[in-house]
């Protein structure tokens, strides 16, 4: 969903290595620097839940997307309202010069790999959710420099 919403591959600007795996286990999730409709944020949070049993199945995701498609035909639906609000906020930010993703040109880190491969990392912490990562108040998934957030909390590593 990150690629679909942002137009960028997730974690494109950092090395796909053990440090990134540890941070993901510690709750690191992709961020956007624009307003995202609350319904989208909620689905993203479910899909990225640390507990795989809490994640929706492909069938459940299809059902949600079909429901959203049906709702979009009704201009009075909550989803339409969320989308209009997000578009208005994003357009206002763009017109006032606030930083938004406006250019899809980007550089991929030389050690960011988007092909299937076996990653055999030892010593990974138990996966957890970082509940504040996606702000529930304004549903804005803010952008941070990922390299700045890759500090490892070694106290949570398994011995």
N, C-alpha and C. Protein backbone atom coordinates (compact mmCIF):
# COMPACT_ATOMS: atom_id res chain seq x y z
N UNK A 1 0.82 -1.20 0.00
CA UNK A 1 0.00 0.00 0.00
C UNK A 1 0.86 1.25 0.00
N UNK A 2 2.04 1.17 0.63
CA UNK A 2 2.92 2.34 0.67
C UNK A 2 3.26 2.80 -0.73
N UNK A 3 3.63 1.84 -1.60
CA UNK A 3 3.99 2.21 -2.98
C UNK A 3 2.81 2.82 -3.70
N UNK A 4 1.60 2.27 -3.47
CA UNK A 4 0.41 2.74 -4.17
C UNK A 4 0.08 4.17 -3.74
N UNK A 5 0.16 4.46 -2.45
CA UNK A 5 -0.20 5.78 -1.94
C UNK A 5 0.88 6.81 -2.22
N UNK A 6 2.15 6.44 -2.02
CA UNK A 6 3.22 7.43 -2.13
C UNK A 6 3.92 7.44 -3.48
N UNK A 7 3.84 6.34 -4.22
CA UNK A 7 4.58 6.24 -5.46
C UNK A 7 6.03 5.85 -5.26
N UNK A 8 6.42 5.56 -4.02
CA UNK A 8 7.80 5.21 -3.71
C UNK A 8 7.87 3.81 -3.10
N UNK A 9 8.95 3.08 -3.35
CA UNK A 9 9.12 1.80 -2.66
C UNK A 9 9.42 2.08 -1.17
N UNK A 10 8.94 1.24 -0.27
CA UNK A 10 9.22 1.47 1.14
C UNK A 10 10.71 1.30 1.44
N UNK A 11 11.19 2.13 2.33
CA UNK A 11 12.60 2.08 2.79
C UNK A 11 13.58 2.18 1.62
N UNK A 12 13.25 3.00 0.63
CA UNK A 12 14.09 3.10 -0.56
C UNK A 12 15.42 3.81 -0.29
N UNK A 13 15.51 4.55 0.81
CA UNK A 13 16.68 5.39 1.03
C UNK A 13 17.65 4.84 2.07
N UNK A 14 17.49 3.58 2.46
CA UNK A 14 18.41 2.97 3.43
C UNK A 14 18.78 1.56 2.97
N UNK A 15 19.85 1.07 3.53
CA UNK A 15 20.31 -0.28 3.25
C UNK A 15 19.32 -1.30 3.82
N UNK A 16 19.01 -2.31 3.05
CA UNK A 16 18.14 -3.38 3.51
C UNK A 16 19.02 -4.44 4.18
N UNK A 17 19.30 -4.19 5.44
CA UNK A 17 20.23 -5.05 6.17
C UNK A 17 19.66 -5.39 7.54
N UNK A 18 20.49 -5.96 8.39
CA UNK A 18 20.04 -6.38 9.72
C UNK A 18 19.58 -5.19 10.56
N UNK A 19 20.21 -4.04 10.41
CA UNK A 19 19.77 -2.85 11.17
C UNK A 19 18.33 -2.48 10.84
N UNK A 20 17.99 -2.52 9.56
CA UNK A 20 16.61 -2.21 9.16
C UNK A 20 15.66 -3.28 9.70
N UNK A 21 16.05 -4.54 9.63
CA UNK A 21 15.21 -5.63 10.15
C UNK A 21 14.95 -5.43 11.65
N UNK A 22 15.97 -5.06 12.39
CA UNK A 22 15.81 -4.82 13.83
C UNK A 22 14.86 -3.67 14.08
N UNK A 23 15.02 -2.58 13.34
CA UNK A 23 14.14 -1.42 13.54
C UNK A 23 12.69 -1.75 13.17
N UNK A 24 12.49 -2.54 12.15
CA UNK A 24 11.13 -2.95 11.80
C UNK A 24 10.54 -3.80 12.93
N UNK A 25 11.35 -4.70 13.48
CA UNK A 25 10.88 -5.49 14.63
C UNK A 25 10.55 -4.60 15.81
N UNK A 26 11.28 -3.48 15.95
CA UNK A 26 11.04 -2.55 17.05
C UNK A 26 9.91 -1.57 16.75
N UNK A 27 9.26 -1.70 15.59
CA UNK A 27 8.09 -0.90 15.31
C UNK A 27 8.22 0.13 14.21
N UNK A 28 9.39 0.22 13.55
CA UNK A 28 9.56 1.17 12.46
C UNK A 28 8.63 0.81 11.31
N UNK A 29 7.91 1.78 10.79
CA UNK A 29 7.02 1.58 9.66
C UNK A 29 7.23 2.71 8.65
N UNK A 30 6.92 2.46 7.36
CA UNK A 30 7.06 3.53 6.36
C UNK A 30 6.18 4.73 6.71
N UNK A 31 6.64 5.91 6.34
CA UNK A 31 5.89 7.14 6.60
C UNK A 31 5.66 7.90 5.31
N UNK A 32 4.68 8.76 5.35
CA UNK A 32 4.37 9.64 4.23
C UNK A 32 4.48 11.07 4.75
N UNK A 33 4.70 12.02 3.86
CA UNK A 33 4.74 13.41 4.31
C UNK A 33 3.54 14.18 3.78
N UNK A 34 2.39 13.53 3.83
CA UNK A 34 1.15 14.19 3.43
C UNK A 34 0.00 13.54 4.17
N UNK A 35 -1.13 14.20 4.13
CA UNK A 35 -2.34 13.72 4.81
C UNK A 35 -2.88 12.49 4.09
N UNK A 36 -3.19 11.47 4.86
CA UNK A 36 -3.73 10.22 4.33
C UNK A 36 -5.10 10.01 4.96
N UNK A 37 -6.12 9.66 4.17
CA UNK A 37 -7.45 9.42 4.76
C UNK A 37 -7.38 8.39 5.89
N UNK A 38 -8.15 8.64 6.94
CA UNK A 38 -8.12 7.80 8.14
C UNK A 38 -8.39 6.33 7.82
N UNK A 39 -9.32 6.05 6.93
CA UNK A 39 -9.61 4.66 6.56
C UNK A 39 -8.37 3.97 5.99
N UNK A 40 -7.60 4.71 5.18
CA UNK A 40 -6.38 4.15 4.62
C UNK A 40 -5.37 3.87 5.73
N UNK A 41 -5.22 4.83 6.65
CA UNK A 41 -4.28 4.66 7.76
C UNK A 41 -4.64 3.43 8.57
N UNK A 42 -5.92 3.26 8.85
CA UNK A 42 -6.34 2.10 9.64
C UNK A 42 -6.02 0.79 8.93
N UNK A 43 -6.23 0.72 7.61
CA UNK A 43 -5.90 -0.49 6.87
C UNK A 43 -4.39 -0.71 6.85
N UNK A 44 -3.63 0.34 6.65
CA UNK A 44 -2.17 0.22 6.66
C UNK A 44 -1.69 -0.32 7.99
N UNK A 45 -2.23 0.22 9.10
CA UNK A 45 -1.83 -0.26 10.42
C UNK A 45 -2.15 -1.73 10.59
N UNK A 46 -3.31 -2.17 10.10
CA UNK A 46 -3.68 -3.58 10.20
C UNK A 46 -2.72 -4.45 9.39
N UNK A 47 -2.39 -4.00 8.19
CA UNK A 47 -1.51 -4.79 7.32
C UNK A 47 -0.09 -4.89 7.88
N UNK A 48 0.33 -3.90 8.65
CA UNK A 48 1.69 -3.88 9.19
C UNK A 48 1.76 -4.30 10.65
N UNK A 49 0.69 -4.90 11.15
CA UNK A 49 0.68 -5.32 12.55
C UNK A 49 1.82 -6.29 12.82
N UNK A 50 2.49 -6.13 13.95
CA UNK A 50 3.61 -6.99 14.31
C UNK A 50 3.17 -8.44 14.47
N UNK A 51 1.94 -8.65 14.88
CA UNK A 51 1.41 -10.00 15.04
C UNK A 51 0.72 -10.39 13.73
N UNK A 52 1.29 -11.34 13.03
CA UNK A 52 0.75 -11.71 11.72
C UNK A 52 -0.68 -12.22 11.80
N UNK A 53 -1.10 -12.72 12.95
CA UNK A 53 -2.48 -13.21 13.10
C UNK A 53 -3.49 -12.06 13.10
N UNK A 54 -3.03 -10.84 13.38
CA UNK A 54 -3.91 -9.67 13.38
C UNK A 54 -4.02 -9.01 12.01
N UNK A 55 -3.18 -9.41 11.07
CA UNK A 55 -3.19 -8.81 9.73
C UNK A 55 -4.36 -9.37 8.92
N UNK A 56 -4.97 -8.54 8.08
CA UNK A 56 -6.06 -9.04 7.23
C UNK A 56 -5.52 -9.99 6.17
N UNK A 57 -6.36 -10.93 5.78
CA UNK A 57 -6.00 -11.83 4.68
C UNK A 57 -6.21 -11.09 3.36
N UNK A 58 -5.72 -11.69 2.30
CA UNK A 58 -5.93 -11.09 0.97
C UNK A 58 -7.42 -10.96 0.68
N UNK A 59 -8.19 -11.96 1.06
CA UNK A 59 -9.65 -11.91 0.85
C UNK A 59 -10.27 -10.75 1.62
N UNK A 60 -9.84 -10.54 2.85
CA UNK A 60 -10.38 -9.44 3.66
C UNK A 60 -10.02 -8.10 3.05
N UNK A 61 -8.81 -7.98 2.53
CA UNK A 61 -8.39 -6.72 1.89
C UNK A 61 -9.24 -6.47 0.65
N UNK A 62 -9.49 -7.51 -0.14
CA UNK A 62 -10.34 -7.36 -1.32
C UNK A 62 -11.74 -6.91 -0.92
N UNK A 63 -12.28 -7.49 0.15
CA UNK A 63 -13.59 -7.08 0.64
C UNK A 63 -13.61 -5.61 1.04
N UNK A 64 -12.56 -5.17 1.74
CA UNK A 64 -12.47 -3.77 2.16
C UNK A 64 -12.41 -2.86 0.94
N UNK A 65 -11.56 -3.21 -0.03
CA UNK A 65 -11.42 -2.38 -1.23
C UNK A 65 -12.71 -2.36 -2.04
N UNK A 66 -13.40 -3.50 -2.12
CA UNK A 66 -14.70 -3.54 -2.82
C UNK A 66 -15.71 -2.64 -2.11
N UNK A 67 -15.72 -2.69 -0.78
CA UNK A 67 -16.63 -1.84 0.00
C UNK A 67 -16.32 -0.37 -0.26
N UNK A 68 -15.02 -0.03 -0.25
CA UNK A 68 -14.63 1.36 -0.52
C UNK A 68 -15.06 1.77 -1.92
N UNK A 69 -14.90 0.90 -2.89
CA UNK A 69 -15.30 1.20 -4.25
C UNK A 69 -16.79 1.50 -4.32
N UNK A 70 -17.59 0.69 -3.61
CA UNK A 70 -19.04 0.93 -3.56
C UNK A 70 -19.35 2.27 -2.89
N UNK A 71 -18.62 2.58 -1.81
CA UNK A 71 -18.86 3.82 -1.08
C UNK A 71 -18.51 5.05 -1.92
N UNK A 72 -17.53 4.93 -2.77
CA UNK A 72 -17.10 6.08 -3.57
C UNK A 72 -18.16 6.54 -4.56
N UNK A 73 -19.11 5.66 -4.88
CA UNK A 73 -20.21 6.06 -5.77
C UNK A 73 -21.20 6.95 -5.02
N UNK A 74 -21.15 6.91 -3.69
CA UNK A 74 -22.02 7.74 -2.86
C UNK A 74 -21.20 8.92 -2.34
N UNK A 75 -21.41 10.08 -2.91
CA UNK A 75 -20.61 11.25 -2.54
C UNK A 75 -20.79 11.67 -1.08
N UNK A 76 -21.75 11.10 -0.40
CA UNK A 76 -21.97 11.47 1.00
C UNK A 76 -21.33 10.49 1.98
N UNK A 77 -20.57 9.52 1.48
CA UNK A 77 -19.98 8.51 2.36
C UNK A 77 -18.85 9.11 3.20
N UNK A 78 -18.55 8.44 4.30
CA UNK A 78 -17.46 8.87 5.19
C UNK A 78 -16.13 8.83 4.45
N UNK A 79 -15.92 7.80 3.62
CA UNK A 79 -14.67 7.69 2.88
C UNK A 79 -14.49 8.87 1.93
N UNK A 80 -15.55 9.25 1.22
CA UNK A 80 -15.47 10.43 0.35
C UNK A 80 -15.09 11.67 1.14
N UNK A 81 -15.67 11.81 2.30
CA UNK A 81 -15.38 12.95 3.15
C UNK A 81 -13.90 12.95 3.58
N UNK A 82 -13.40 11.79 3.95
CA UNK A 82 -11.99 11.68 4.35
C UNK A 82 -11.05 12.02 3.19
N UNK A 83 -11.39 11.53 2.00
CA UNK A 83 -10.56 11.79 0.83
C UNK A 83 -10.58 13.27 0.47
N UNK A 84 -11.77 13.89 0.49
CA UNK A 84 -11.86 15.33 0.19
C UNK A 84 -11.06 16.14 1.19
N UNK A 85 -11.17 15.79 2.48
CA UNK A 85 -10.43 16.51 3.51
C UNK A 85 -8.92 16.38 3.29
N UNK A 86 -8.45 15.15 2.99
CA UNK A 86 -7.02 14.93 2.76
C UNK A 86 -6.55 15.72 1.54
N UNK A 87 -7.33 15.69 0.46
CA UNK A 87 -6.95 16.44 -0.74
C UNK A 87 -6.88 17.94 -0.46
N UNK A 88 -7.85 18.46 0.30
CA UNK A 88 -7.86 19.88 0.62
C UNK A 88 -6.62 20.26 1.44
N UNK A 89 -6.32 19.47 2.45
CA UNK A 89 -5.15 19.75 3.29
C UNK A 89 -3.86 19.66 2.47
N UNK A 90 -3.74 18.61 1.66
CA UNK A 90 -2.54 18.45 0.84
C UNK A 90 -2.40 19.57 -0.18
N UNK A 91 -3.51 19.98 -0.81
CA UNK A 91 -3.45 21.09 -1.77
C UNK A 91 -3.10 22.40 -1.08
N UNK A 92 -3.64 22.63 0.12
CA UNK A 92 -3.30 23.84 0.88
C UNK A 92 -1.82 23.85 1.24
N UNK A 93 -1.31 22.71 1.69
CA UNK A 93 0.11 22.63 2.03
C UNK A 93 0.98 22.88 0.81
N UNK A 94 0.56 22.35 -0.32
CA UNK A 94 1.32 22.53 -1.55
C UNK A 94 1.33 24.00 -1.96
N UNK A 95 0.17 24.65 -1.87
CA UNK A 95 0.08 26.04 -2.29
C UNK A 95 0.80 26.99 -1.35
N UNK A 96 0.96 26.61 -0.08
CA UNK A 96 1.67 27.47 0.87
C UNK A 96 3.15 27.13 0.96
N UNK A 97 3.59 26.18 0.14
CA UNK A 97 5.02 25.87 0.09
C UNK A 97 5.48 24.89 1.15
N UNK A 98 4.55 24.32 1.92
CA UNK A 98 4.96 23.31 2.90
C UNK A 98 5.49 22.08 2.17
N UNK A 99 6.41 21.39 2.80
CA UNK A 99 7.05 20.25 2.17
C UNK A 99 6.07 19.12 1.98
N UNK A 100 5.87 18.76 0.75
CA UNK A 100 5.06 17.60 0.39
C UNK A 100 5.78 16.82 -0.69
N UNK A 101 5.39 15.60 -0.84
CA UNK A 101 5.95 14.80 -1.91
C UNK A 101 5.34 15.27 -3.22
N UNK A 102 6.10 15.99 -4.01
CA UNK A 102 5.58 16.51 -5.27
C UNK A 102 6.35 15.99 -6.46
N UNK A 103 7.52 15.41 -6.21
CA UNK A 103 8.37 14.93 -7.29
C UNK A 103 8.67 13.47 -7.02
N UNK A 104 8.29 12.61 -7.94
CA UNK A 104 8.51 11.18 -7.73
C UNK A 104 9.89 10.73 -8.16
N UNK A 105 10.79 11.67 -8.45
CA UNK A 105 12.16 11.27 -8.73
C UNK A 105 12.85 11.06 -7.38
N UNK A 106 13.56 9.99 -7.29
CA UNK A 106 14.22 9.65 -6.04
C UNK A 106 15.39 8.73 -6.35
N UNK A 107 16.30 8.64 -5.40
CA UNK A 107 17.42 7.72 -5.54
C UNK A 107 17.22 6.58 -4.57
N UNK A 108 17.43 5.37 -5.06
CA UNK A 108 17.35 4.19 -4.22
C UNK A 108 18.73 3.91 -3.65
N UNK A 109 18.79 3.63 -2.37
CA UNK A 109 20.05 3.28 -1.72
C UNK A 109 20.66 2.08 -2.44
N UNK A 110 21.97 2.07 -2.66
CA UNK A 110 22.59 0.97 -3.39
C UNK A 110 22.40 -0.39 -2.71
N UNK A 111 22.13 -0.39 -1.41
CA UNK A 111 21.93 -1.66 -0.71
C UNK A 111 20.45 -1.89 -0.36
N UNK A 112 19.55 -1.23 -1.09
CA UNK A 112 18.11 -1.48 -0.96
C UNK A 112 17.73 -2.47 -2.05
N UNK A 113 17.31 -3.66 -1.65
CA UNK A 113 17.03 -4.74 -2.59
C UNK A 113 15.55 -5.08 -2.58
N UNK A 114 14.94 -5.07 -3.74
CA UNK A 114 13.50 -5.35 -3.85
C UNK A 114 13.24 -6.64 -4.61
N UNK A 115 14.12 -7.61 -4.47
CA UNK A 115 13.88 -8.93 -5.03
C UNK A 115 13.87 -9.92 -3.88
N UNK A 116 13.20 -11.03 -4.06
CA UNK A 116 13.12 -12.03 -3.01
C UNK A 116 14.51 -12.60 -2.73
N UNK A 117 14.81 -12.72 -1.46
CA UNK A 117 16.07 -13.32 -1.05
C UNK A 117 15.93 -13.76 0.40
N UNK A 118 16.71 -14.74 0.76
CA UNK A 118 16.69 -15.24 2.13
C UNK A 118 17.49 -14.30 3.01
N UNK A 119 16.86 -13.82 4.06
CA UNK A 119 17.54 -12.99 5.04
C UNK A 119 17.62 -13.80 6.33
N UNK A 120 18.80 -14.24 6.65
CA UNK A 120 18.99 -15.10 7.81
C UNK A 120 19.67 -14.30 8.91
N UNK A 121 18.89 -13.46 9.59
CA UNK A 121 19.44 -12.64 10.66
C UNK A 121 19.20 -13.32 12.00
N UNK A 122 20.22 -13.38 12.80
CA UNK A 122 20.10 -13.90 14.16
C UNK A 122 19.92 -12.71 15.10
N UNK A 123 19.45 -12.99 16.29
CA UNK A 123 19.43 -11.97 17.32
C UNK A 123 18.39 -10.88 17.10
N UNK A 124 17.34 -11.14 16.32
CA UNK A 124 16.30 -10.13 16.11
C UNK A 124 15.37 -10.09 17.32
N UNK A 125 14.93 -8.90 17.71
CA UNK A 125 13.98 -8.80 18.82
C UNK A 125 12.59 -9.29 18.40
N UNK A 126 11.74 -9.57 19.37
CA UNK A 126 10.35 -9.91 19.08
C UNK A 126 9.69 -8.71 18.42
N UNK A 127 8.93 -8.91 17.34
CA UNK A 127 8.25 -7.78 16.70
C UNK A 127 7.23 -7.12 17.62
N UNK A 128 7.17 -5.81 17.58
CA UNK A 128 6.20 -5.04 18.35
C UNK A 128 5.60 -3.97 17.45
N UNK A 129 4.44 -3.48 17.84
CA UNK A 129 3.84 -2.33 17.17
C UNK A 129 4.24 -1.09 17.93
N UNK A 130 4.52 -0.05 17.19
CA UNK A 130 4.80 1.25 17.79
C UNK A 130 3.55 2.07 17.53
N UNK A 131 2.65 2.12 18.51
CA UNK A 131 1.31 2.67 18.31
C UNK A 131 1.28 4.13 17.90
N UNK A 132 2.25 4.92 18.30
CA UNK A 132 2.24 6.34 17.96
C UNK A 132 2.82 6.63 16.58
N UNK A 133 3.26 5.59 15.88
CA UNK A 133 3.91 5.82 14.60
C UNK A 133 3.01 6.53 13.61
N UNK A 134 1.75 6.09 13.57
CA UNK A 134 0.77 6.76 12.73
C UNK A 134 -0.15 7.53 13.65
N UNK A 135 -0.06 8.84 13.59
CA UNK A 135 -0.80 9.71 14.49
C UNK A 135 -2.30 9.60 14.24
N UNK A 136 -3.02 9.12 15.23
CA UNK A 136 -4.47 8.94 15.11
C UNK A 136 -5.21 10.28 15.05
N UNK A 137 -4.60 11.33 15.59
CA UNK A 137 -5.30 12.60 15.67
C UNK A 137 -5.51 13.26 14.31
N UNK A 138 -4.45 13.34 13.53
CA UNK A 138 -4.62 14.03 12.25
C UNK A 138 -4.40 13.12 11.05
N UNK A 139 -4.13 11.84 11.31
CA UNK A 139 -3.96 10.85 10.25
C UNK A 139 -2.88 11.25 9.25
N UNK A 140 -1.95 12.07 9.70
CA UNK A 140 -0.85 12.43 8.83
C UNK A 140 0.32 11.53 9.18
N UNK A 141 0.76 10.77 8.23
CA UNK A 141 1.89 9.88 8.45
C UNK A 141 3.11 10.69 8.04
N UNK A 142 3.76 11.28 9.01
CA UNK A 142 4.78 12.27 8.71
C UNK A 142 6.07 11.64 8.24
N UNK A 143 6.75 12.38 7.43
CA UNK A 143 8.01 11.91 6.88
C UNK A 143 9.15 12.24 7.83
N UNK A 144 10.03 11.31 7.99
CA UNK A 144 11.27 11.54 8.72
C UNK A 144 12.38 10.96 7.87
N UNK A 145 13.57 11.47 8.07
CA UNK A 145 14.70 10.85 7.39
C UNK A 145 14.91 9.50 8.03
N UNK A 146 14.71 8.46 7.26
CA UNK A 146 14.77 7.12 7.80
C UNK A 146 16.13 6.84 8.41
N UNK A 147 17.19 7.35 7.80
CA UNK A 147 18.53 7.09 8.33
C UNK A 147 18.68 7.67 9.74
N UNK A 148 17.92 8.74 10.04
CA UNK A 148 17.97 9.33 11.38
C UNK A 148 17.26 8.47 12.41
N UNK A 149 16.35 7.60 11.96
CA UNK A 149 15.57 6.81 12.90
C UNK A 149 16.05 5.37 13.00
N UNK A 150 17.22 5.07 12.45
CA UNK A 150 17.71 3.70 12.47
C UNK A 150 18.64 3.40 13.63
N UNK A 151 18.59 4.21 14.68
CA UNK A 151 19.38 3.92 15.86
C UNK A 151 18.84 2.66 16.50
N UNK A 152 19.70 1.74 16.86
CA UNK A 152 19.30 0.44 17.39
C UNK A 152 19.26 0.50 18.92
N UNK A 153 18.14 0.01 19.48
CA UNK A 153 18.02 -0.15 20.93
C UNK A 153 18.53 -1.55 21.26
N UNK A 154 19.81 -1.65 21.61
CA UNK A 154 20.44 -2.94 21.83
C UNK A 154 19.92 -3.66 23.06
N UNK A 155 19.22 -2.97 23.94
CA UNK A 155 18.69 -3.63 25.14
C UNK A 155 17.57 -4.60 24.79
N UNK A 156 16.99 -4.46 23.61
CA UNK A 156 15.88 -5.33 23.21
C UNK A 156 16.31 -6.48 22.34
N UNK A 157 17.60 -6.62 22.10
CA UNK A 157 18.10 -7.72 21.28
C UNK A 157 18.17 -8.99 22.10
N UNK A 158 17.94 -10.11 21.45
CA UNK A 158 18.08 -11.41 22.10
C UNK A 158 19.55 -11.74 22.24
N UNK A 159 19.92 -12.38 23.32
CA UNK A 159 21.34 -12.81 23.48
C UNK A 159 21.58 -14.12 22.78
